[in-house]
Amino acid sequence: MIVIISYEPLYKTLKEKNISTYKLIKQYNISRSLLDRLKHDKPISTVTLNDLCTILDCKVEDVLVFKKDNKKEKGV
């Protein structure tokens, strides 16, 4: 089983809050590299998660979701 954290809910939350990724970059100083990490479901720090929740005035589950994939891992 593969377990991943997905940031799919973030994009729904951004839309609901009417905040674009451009606004995150320009107004809130979120780096493009962080947005790339989120887009590709790469790890982020809890400090970053806290910042996103503060900016968006939302809960953690509005930014990420824990997913289980029952497929076997490659090479296992």
C-alpha atoms as a PDB file:
ATOM      1  CA  MET A   1       0.000   0.000   0.000  1.00  0.00           C
ATOM      2  CA  ILE A   2       1.258   3.469  -0.908  1.00  0.00           C
ATOM      3  CA  VAL A   3       0.320   6.388   1.336  1.00  0.00           C
ATOM      4  CA  ILE A   4       0.514   9.953   0.115  1.00  0.00           C
ATOM      5  CA  ILE A   5      -0.565  13.381   1.185  1.00  0.00           C
ATOM      6  CA  SER A   6      -2.330  15.211  -1.609  1.00  0.00           C
ATOM      7  CA  TYR A   7      -2.867  18.950  -1.798  1.00  0.00           C
ATOM      8  CA  GLU A   8      -5.953  18.622  -4.036  1.00  0.00           C
ATOM      9  CA  PRO A   9      -8.208  20.359  -1.470  1.00  0.00           C
ATOM     10  CA  LEU A  10      -5.971  23.440  -1.595  1.00  0.00           C
ATOM     11  CA  TYR A  11      -7.042  24.297  -5.118  1.00  0.00           C
ATOM     12  CA  LYS A  12     -10.733  24.024  -4.233  1.00  0.00           C
ATOM     13  CA  THR A  13     -10.146  26.248  -1.200  1.00  0.00           C
ATOM     14  CA  LEU A  14      -8.271  28.804  -3.295  1.00  0.00           C
ATOM     15  CA  LYS A  15     -11.183  28.935  -5.716  1.00  0.00           C
ATOM     16  CA  GLU A  16     -13.732  29.289  -2.916  1.00  0.00           C
ATOM     17  CA  LYS A  17     -11.691  32.115  -1.354  1.00  0.00           C
ATOM     18  CA  ASN A  18     -11.184  33.727  -4.764  1.00  0.00           C
ATOM     19  CA  ILE A  19      -7.400  33.661  -4.355  1.00  0.00           C
ATOM     20  CA  SER A  20      -5.202  32.887  -7.340  1.00  0.00           C
ATOM     21  CA  THR A  21      -1.739  31.395  -7.243  1.00  0.00           C
ATOM     22  CA  TYR A  22      -0.576  34.734  -8.674  1.00  0.00           C
ATOM     23  CA  LYS A  23      -2.020  36.476  -5.618  1.00  0.00           C
ATOM     24  CA  LEU A  24      -0.272  33.967  -3.327  1.00  0.00           C
ATOM     25  CA  ILE A  25       3.017  34.868  -4.984  1.00  0.00           C
ATOM     26  CA  LYS A  26       2.585  38.643  -5.176  1.00  0.00           C
ATOM     27  CA  GLN A  27       0.548  39.487  -2.106  1.00  0.00           C
ATOM     28  CA  TYR A  28       1.546  36.745   0.324  1.00  0.00           C
ATOM     29  CA  ASN A  29       5.124  36.090  -0.826  1.00  0.00           C
ATOM     30  CA  ILE A  30       4.584  32.383  -1.450  1.00  0.00           C
ATOM     31  CA  SER A  31       7.401  31.129  -3.648  1.00  0.00           C
ATOM     32  CA  ARG A  32       6.867  29.552  -7.030  1.00  0.00           C
ATOM     33  CA  SER A  33       8.964  26.618  -5.879  1.00  0.00           C
ATOM     34  CA  LEU A  34       6.538  26.010  -2.992  1.00  0.00           C
ATOM     35  CA  LEU A  35       3.600  26.102  -5.395  1.00  0.00           C
ATOM     36  CA  ASP A  36       5.444  23.588  -7.561  1.00  0.00           C
ATOM     37  CA  ARG A  37       5.962  21.332  -4.515  1.00  0.00           C
ATOM     38  CA  LEU A  38       2.246  21.517  -3.758  1.00  0.00           C
ATOM     39  CA  LYS A  39       1.301  20.829  -7.360  1.00  0.00           C
ATOM     40  CA  HIS A  40       3.399  17.654  -7.350  1.00  0.00           C
ATOM     41  CA  ASP A  41       2.354  16.491  -3.843  1.00  0.00           C
ATOM     42  CA  LYS A  42       5.851  16.860  -2.434  1.00  0.00           C
ATOM     43  CA  PRO A  43       6.485  17.329   1.298  1.00  0.00           C
ATOM     44  CA  ILE A  44       6.122  20.724   2.933  1.00  0.00           C
ATOM     45  CA  SER A  45       6.860  21.837   6.477  1.00  0.00           C
ATOM     46  CA  THR A  46       4.264  22.315   9.176  1.00  0.00           C
ATOM     47  CA  VAL A  47       5.302  25.979   9.276  1.00  0.00           C
ATOM     48  CA  THR A  48       4.309  26.282   5.609  1.00  0.00           C
ATOM     49  CA  LEU A  49       1.073  24.442   6.289  1.00  0.00           C
ATOM     50  CA  ASN A  50       0.366  26.851   9.138  1.00  0.00           C
ATOM     51  CA  ASP A  51       1.098  29.816   6.840  1.00  0.00           C
ATOM     52  CA  LEU A  52      -1.288  28.535   4.178  1.00  0.00           C
ATOM     53  CA  CYS A  53      -4.053  27.943   6.717  1.00  0.00           C
ATOM     54  CA  THR A  54      -3.526  31.437   8.116  1.00  0.00           C
ATOM     55  CA  ILE A  55      -3.562  33.068   4.671  1.00  0.00           C
ATOM     56  CA  LEU A  56      -6.670  31.156   3.621  1.00  0.00           C
ATOM     57  CA  ASP A  57      -8.334  31.270   7.042  1.00  0.00           C
ATOM     58  CA  CYS A  58      -9.065  27.568   6.807  1.00  0.00           C
ATOM     59  CA  LYS A  59      -8.495  24.185   8.430  1.00  0.00           C
ATOM     60  CA  VAL A  60      -5.681  21.787   7.572  1.00  0.00           C
ATOM     61  CA  GLU A  61      -8.136  19.476   5.798  1.00  0.00           C
ATOM     62  CA  ASP A  62      -8.955  22.367   3.452  1.00  0.00           C
ATOM     63  CA  VAL A  63      -5.339  22.223   2.255  1.00  0.00           C
ATOM     64  CA  LEU A  64      -4.435  18.533   2.222  1.00  0.00           C
ATOM     65  CA  VAL A  65      -5.858  15.055   2.296  1.00  0.00           C
ATOM     66  CA  PHE A  66      -4.302  11.764   3.364  1.00  0.00           C
ATOM     67  CA  LYS A  67      -4.727   9.115   0.678  1.00  0.00           C
ATOM     68  CA  LYS A  68      -4.084   5.399   0.638  1.00  0.00           C
ATOM     69  CA  ASP A  69      -3.387   3.624  -2.621  1.00  0.00           C
ATOM     70  CA  ASN A  70      -3.869  -0.134  -2.320  1.00  0.00           C
ATOM     71  CA  LYS A  71      -1.558  -0.823  -5.266  1.00  0.00           C
ATOM     72  CA  LYS A  72       1.703  -2.537  -4.453  1.00  0.00           C
ATOM     73  CA  GLU A  73       4.785  -0.351  -4.345  1.00  0.00           C
ATOM     74  CA  LYS A  74       7.207  -0.901  -7.189  1.00  0.00           C
ATOM     75  CA  GLY A  75      10.121  -3.108  -6.271  1.00  0.00           C
ATOM     76  CA  VAL A  76       8.474  -4.535  -3.142  1.00  0.00           C
END
